[in-house]
Amino acid sequence: RAGRCATLAGNLKPAGTLTSNATSETLMFTIPEGYRPGQYVYAICQGNTYYIWTVHLKPDGGVYFSKYRSGSSYSSGGTSTTLPFNLSWIIA
């Protein structure tokens, strides 16, 4: 955090399976109050090999996994999946 700007970056390795398809989302973790955005924040991130995924942060602090796919084929993220991400936003 720098003033009202916040950044969250990392490389998540799931402890279990994260379900993914075209419409579902799975809560990965929640960031604390005082760091939460005033609006939804989205990023498309690189996954394993040819996979991409969407990470999004909601105003309630929830950080979600969704749309893990290669081309148009959706897949779940398992324990061998690595999920790098980088989000920046203005704190509400």
C-alpha atoms as a PDB file:
ATOM      1  CA  ARG A   1       0.000   0.000   0.000  1.00  0.00           C
ATOM      2  CA  ALA A   2       1.192   3.468  -0.902  1.00  0.00           C
ATOM      3  CA  GLY A   3      -1.318   6.136   0.091  1.00  0.00           C
ATOM      4  CA  ARG A   4      -4.618   5.104  -1.507  1.00  0.00           C
ATOM      5  CA  CYS A   5      -2.945   2.768  -4.037  1.00  0.00           C
ATOM      6  CA  ALA A   6      -2.623  -0.951  -3.348  1.00  0.00           C
ATOM      7  CA  THR A   7      -0.959  -3.815  -5.192  1.00  0.00           C
ATOM      8  CA  LEU A   8      -1.417  -7.534  -4.677  1.00  0.00           C
ATOM      9  CA  ALA A   9       0.987  -9.868  -6.469  1.00  0.00           C
ATOM     10  CA  GLY A  10       1.930 -13.466  -5.968  1.00  0.00           C
ATOM     11  CA  ASN A  11       1.978 -17.015  -7.239  1.00  0.00           C
ATOM     12  CA  LEU A  12      -0.763 -19.165  -5.740  1.00  0.00           C
ATOM     13  CA  LYS A  13      -0.504 -22.953  -5.615  1.00  0.00           C
ATOM     14  CA  PRO A  14      -3.923 -24.368  -4.673  1.00  0.00           C
ATOM     15  CA  ALA A  15      -4.150 -26.794  -1.745  1.00  0.00           C
ATOM     16  CA  GLY A  16      -7.160 -28.404  -3.451  1.00  0.00           C
ATOM     17  CA  THR A  17      -9.118 -28.219  -6.682  1.00  0.00           C
ATOM     18  CA  LEU A  18     -10.417 -24.815  -7.823  1.00  0.00           C
ATOM     19  CA  THR A  19     -13.503 -25.364  -9.993  1.00  0.00           C
ATOM     20  CA  SER A  20     -13.707 -23.359 -13.204  1.00  0.00           C
ATOM     21  CA  ASN A  21     -16.022 -22.972 -16.186  1.00  0.00           C
ATOM     22  CA  ALA A  22     -17.429 -20.104 -18.245  1.00  0.00           C
ATOM     23  CA  THR A  23     -19.635 -18.743 -15.433  1.00  0.00           C
ATOM     24  CA  SER A  24     -18.427 -20.005 -12.029  1.00  0.00           C
ATOM     25  CA  GLU A  25     -15.982 -18.379  -9.655  1.00  0.00           C
ATOM     26  CA  THR A  26     -14.162 -19.762  -6.623  1.00  0.00           C
ATOM     27  CA  LEU A  27     -13.112 -17.667  -3.617  1.00  0.00           C
ATOM     28  CA  MET A  28      -9.358 -18.067  -3.037  1.00  0.00           C
ATOM     29  CA  PHE A  29      -8.882 -15.678  -0.105  1.00  0.00           C
ATOM     30  CA  THR A  30     -10.026 -12.332   1.320  1.00  0.00           C
ATOM     31  CA  ILE A  31      -7.967  -9.187   1.789  1.00  0.00           C
ATOM     32  CA  PRO A  32      -8.475  -7.168   4.986  1.00  0.00           C
ATOM     33  CA  GLU A  33     -10.520  -3.994   5.385  1.00  0.00           C
ATOM     34  CA  GLY A  34      -8.465  -0.894   4.758  1.00  0.00           C
ATOM     35  CA  TYR A  35      -7.062  -2.402   1.543  1.00  0.00           C
ATOM     36  CA  ARG A  36     -10.291  -3.129  -0.376  1.00  0.00           C
ATOM     37  CA  PRO A  37     -11.245  -1.458  -3.666  1.00  0.00           C
ATOM     38  CA  GLY A  38     -14.373   0.610  -4.244  1.00  0.00           C
ATOM     39  CA  GLN A  39     -15.167  -1.331  -7.423  1.00  0.00           C
ATOM     40  CA  TYR A  40     -14.469  -4.668  -9.086  1.00  0.00           C
ATOM     41  CA  VAL A  41     -10.877  -5.204 -10.262  1.00  0.00           C
ATOM     42  CA  TYR A  42     -10.145  -7.817 -12.961  1.00  0.00           C
ATOM     43  CA  ALA A  43      -7.001  -9.199 -14.583  1.00  0.00           C
ATOM     44  CA  ILE A  44      -6.308 -11.952 -17.085  1.00  0.00           C
ATOM     45  CA  CYS A  45      -3.289 -13.938 -15.933  1.00  0.00           C
ATOM     46  CA  GLN A  46      -1.053 -16.646 -17.334  1.00  0.00           C
ATOM     47  CA  GLY A  47      -1.510 -20.110 -15.833  1.00  0.00           C
ATOM     48  CA  ASN A  48       0.354 -23.352 -16.507  1.00  0.00           C
ATOM     49  CA  THR A  49       1.754 -23.778 -20.033  1.00  0.00           C
ATOM     50  CA  TYR A  50      -0.989 -22.629 -22.451  1.00  0.00           C
ATOM     51  CA  TYR A  51      -3.616 -21.821 -19.830  1.00  0.00           C
ATOM     52  CA  ILE A  52      -4.938 -18.405 -18.879  1.00  0.00           C
ATOM     53  CA  TRP A  53      -7.271 -17.481 -16.041  1.00  0.00           C
ATOM     54  CA  THR A  54      -9.143 -14.524 -14.601  1.00  0.00           C
ATOM     55  CA  VAL A  55      -8.530 -13.171 -11.124  1.00  0.00           C
ATOM     56  CA  HIS A  56     -10.946 -10.642  -9.724  1.00  0.00           C
ATOM     57  CA  LEU A  57     -11.152  -8.669  -6.530  1.00  0.00           C
ATOM     58  CA  LYS A  58     -14.535  -7.582  -5.217  1.00  0.00           C
ATOM     59  CA  PRO A  59     -15.272  -4.559  -3.009  1.00  0.00           C
ATOM     60  CA  ASP A  60     -15.920  -6.957  -0.084  1.00  0.00           C
ATOM     61  CA  GLY A  61     -12.252  -8.063  -0.299  1.00  0.00           C
ATOM     62  CA  GLY A  62     -12.870 -11.454  -1.905  1.00  0.00           C
ATOM     63  CA  VAL A  63     -10.218 -12.557  -4.418  1.00  0.00           C
ATOM     64  CA  TYR A  64     -11.688 -15.024  -6.924  1.00  0.00           C
ATOM     65  CA  PHE A  65     -10.441 -17.608  -9.429  1.00  0.00           C
ATOM     66  CA  SER A  66     -12.406 -18.098 -12.669  1.00  0.00           C
ATOM     67  CA  LYS A  67     -12.264 -19.031 -16.345  1.00  0.00           C
ATOM     68  CA  TYR A  68      -9.128 -21.209 -16.224  1.00  0.00           C
ATOM     69  CA  ARG A  69      -8.796 -22.322 -19.833  1.00  0.00           C
ATOM     70  CA  SER A  70      -6.698 -23.227 -22.812  1.00  0.00           C
ATOM     71  CA  GLY A  71      -8.354 -21.940 -25.983  1.00  0.00           C
ATOM     72  CA  SER A  72     -12.079 -22.465 -25.487  1.00  0.00           C
ATOM     73  CA  SER A  73     -11.673 -25.523 -23.218  1.00  0.00           C
ATOM     74  CA  TYR A  74     -12.257 -24.821 -19.507  1.00  0.00           C
ATOM     75  CA  SER A  75     -10.500 -26.799 -16.792  1.00  0.00           C
ATOM     76  CA  SER A  76     -10.276 -26.871 -13.001  1.00  0.00           C
ATOM     77  CA  GLY A  77      -7.081 -25.777 -11.286  1.00  0.00           C
ATOM     78  CA  GLY A  78      -5.576 -28.603  -9.258  1.00  0.00           C
ATOM     79  CA  THR A  79      -2.725 -28.906  -6.779  1.00  0.00           C
ATOM     80  CA  SER A  80      -0.114 -28.958  -9.574  1.00  0.00           C
ATOM     81  CA  THR A  81      -1.444 -25.646 -10.960  1.00  0.00           C
ATOM     82  CA  THR A  82       0.468 -22.419 -10.439  1.00  0.00           C
ATOM     83  CA  LEU A  83      -1.500 -19.186 -10.591  1.00  0.00           C
ATOM     84  CA  PRO A  84       0.635 -16.046 -10.844  1.00  0.00           C
ATOM     85  CA  PHE A  85      -1.250 -12.753 -10.515  1.00  0.00           C
ATOM     86  CA  ASN A  86      -0.721  -9.015 -10.180  1.00  0.00           C
ATOM     87  CA  LEU A  87      -3.497  -6.530  -9.322  1.00  0.00           C
ATOM     88  CA  SER A  88      -3.347  -2.810  -8.547  1.00  0.00           C
ATOM     89  CA  TRP A  89      -6.237  -0.583  -7.464  1.00  0.00           C
ATOM     90  CA  ILE A  90      -7.333   2.561  -5.627  1.00  0.00           C
ATOM     91  CA  ILE A  91      -8.492   1.866  -2.066  1.00  0.00           C
ATOM     92  CA  ALA A  92     -12.098   2.881  -1.314  1.00  0.00           C
END
